[in-house]
Amino acid sequence: DGVLFVRSGPYATGIFRFSIQFSIASEHLALPTVFFPPILLHPIVEPASGRLNLLPYLALAQESHMPTDPDDPAFLCSLLRFLADCFLFLYTSDAADDLLCV
């Protein structure tokens, strides 16, 4: 579990709790599931479950050569940076329009 303190952007002064759940598939870590409280209104957070859509992370990671393999030691740092950036920029789940700067 973690907490994000947002200082600027569209969610400035917000404090958001989240949890990251890892699972194992074929003896390797699978892509984790990130949850925020279901009341969080954000373009890539499913309103009913609070689950974060990681497709924008994967698209950004591919473009920026960031790790996408959860077994990579740098993966968690990149994912946490993405979580923080989600509240500075508005990511969408549309691959053609995956980053909207506000």
Protein backbone atom coordinates (compact mmCIF):
# COMPACT_ATOMS: atom_id res chain seq x y z
CA ASP A 1 0.00 0.00 0.00
CA GLY A 2 1.10 3.56 -0.64
CA VAL A 3 0.02 7.17 -0.60
CA LEU A 4 0.51 9.86 -3.24
CA PHE A 5 0.69 13.52 -2.24
CA VAL A 6 -0.05 15.64 -5.32
CA ARG A 7 1.42 19.14 -5.32
CA SER A 8 0.56 20.41 -8.80
CA GLY A 9 -1.57 19.62 -11.84
CA PRO A 10 -5.29 18.94 -12.08
CA TYR A 11 -5.29 16.95 -8.81
CA ALA A 12 -3.20 19.46 -6.81
CA THR A 13 -3.47 19.15 -3.02
CA GLY A 14 -4.90 15.65 -3.40
CA ILE A 15 -3.86 12.74 -1.22
CA PHE A 16 -4.55 9.35 -2.77
CA ARG A 17 -4.12 5.90 -1.26
CA PHE A 18 -3.32 3.00 -3.57
CA SER A 19 -2.33 -0.64 -3.43
CA ILE A 20 -0.23 -2.69 -5.83
CA GLN A 21 -0.95 -6.40 -6.03
CA PHE A 22 1.58 -8.70 -7.64
CA SER A 23 0.90 -12.28 -8.69
CA ILE A 24 3.06 -15.05 -10.07
CA ALA A 25 2.48 -16.63 -13.48
CA SER A 26 4.77 -19.36 -14.82
CA GLU A 27 7.33 -18.74 -12.07
CA HIS A 28 7.61 -15.03 -12.97
CA LEU A 29 5.87 -11.95 -11.70
CA ALA A 30 2.81 -11.01 -13.74
CA LEU A 31 1.92 -7.41 -14.49
CA PRO A 32 0.62 -6.06 -11.18
CA THR A 33 -2.83 -4.71 -10.51
CA VAL A 34 -3.02 -1.21 -9.04
CA PHE A 35 -6.09 -0.16 -7.08
CA PHE A 36 -7.27 3.22 -5.87
CA PRO A 37 -10.41 3.72 -3.78
CA PRO A 38 -13.39 3.34 -6.14
CA ILE A 39 -14.54 6.90 -5.47
CA LEU A 40 -11.51 8.33 -7.34
CA LEU A 41 -12.53 9.99 -10.60
CA HIS A 42 -9.68 9.66 -13.08
CA PRO A 43 -9.71 8.81 -16.82
CA ILE A 44 -7.75 5.56 -16.41
CA VAL A 45 -9.22 4.37 -13.11
CA GLU A 46 -12.27 2.13 -13.45
CA PRO A 47 -14.99 3.83 -11.35
CA ALA A 48 -16.61 0.65 -10.02
CA SER A 49 -13.46 -1.24 -8.98
CA GLY A 50 -10.82 1.48 -8.58
CA ARG A 51 -8.46 -0.54 -10.80
CA LEU A 52 -5.89 1.48 -12.74
CA ASN A 53 -5.69 0.71 -16.47
CA LEU A 54 -2.00 0.03 -17.15
CA LEU A 55 -2.24 0.21 -20.96
CA PRO A 56 -1.04 3.86 -20.98
CA TYR A 57 1.96 2.80 -18.87
CA LEU A 58 2.80 0.00 -21.30
CA ALA A 59 2.49 2.35 -24.30
CA LEU A 60 4.65 4.99 -22.62
CA ALA A 61 7.17 2.38 -21.47
CA GLN A 62 7.52 1.04 -24.99
CA GLU A 63 8.12 4.54 -26.40
CA SER A 64 10.50 5.56 -23.62
CA HIS A 65 12.32 2.22 -23.24
CA MET A 66 11.12 1.84 -19.65
CA PRO A 67 10.85 -1.67 -18.18
CA THR A 68 7.60 -3.55 -18.76
CA ASP A 69 8.72 -6.80 -17.15
CA PRO A 70 7.81 -6.92 -13.45
CA ASP A 71 10.88 -9.11 -12.86
CA ASP A 72 13.11 -6.20 -13.93
CA PRO A 73 14.55 -4.49 -10.82
CA ALA A 74 13.75 -1.04 -12.29
CA PHE A 75 10.10 -1.89 -13.01
CA LEU A 76 8.67 -0.88 -9.65
CA CYS A 77 10.42 2.52 -9.72
CA SER A 78 9.07 3.18 -13.22
CA LEU A 79 5.58 2.14 -12.21
CA LEU A 80 5.64 4.41 -9.15
CA ARG A 81 6.85 7.31 -11.30
CA PHE A 82 3.94 6.64 -13.67
CA LEU A 83 1.49 6.63 -10.76
CA ALA A 84 2.74 10.04 -9.65
CA ASP A 85 2.62 11.35 -13.24
CA CYS A 86 -1.00 10.20 -13.58
CA PHE A 87 -1.95 13.09 -11.32
CA LEU A 88 0.24 15.66 -13.10
CA PHE A 89 -0.95 14.74 -16.60
CA LEU A 90 -4.18 13.13 -17.72
CA TYR A 91 -3.53 9.79 -19.38
CA THR A 92 -6.30 8.12 -21.30
CA SER A 93 -6.77 4.49 -22.25
CA ASP A 94 -6.83 5.35 -25.97
CA ALA A 95 -3.49 4.33 -27.48
CA ALA A 96 -3.75 7.05 -30.14
CA ASP A 97 -4.21 9.74 -27.48
CA ASP A 98 -2.38 8.35 -24.45
CA LEU A 99 -1.16 11.61 -22.92
CA LEU A 100 -2.99 14.88 -22.45
CA CYS A 101 -1.03 17.62 -20.77
CA VAL A 102 -3.17 19.89 -18.63
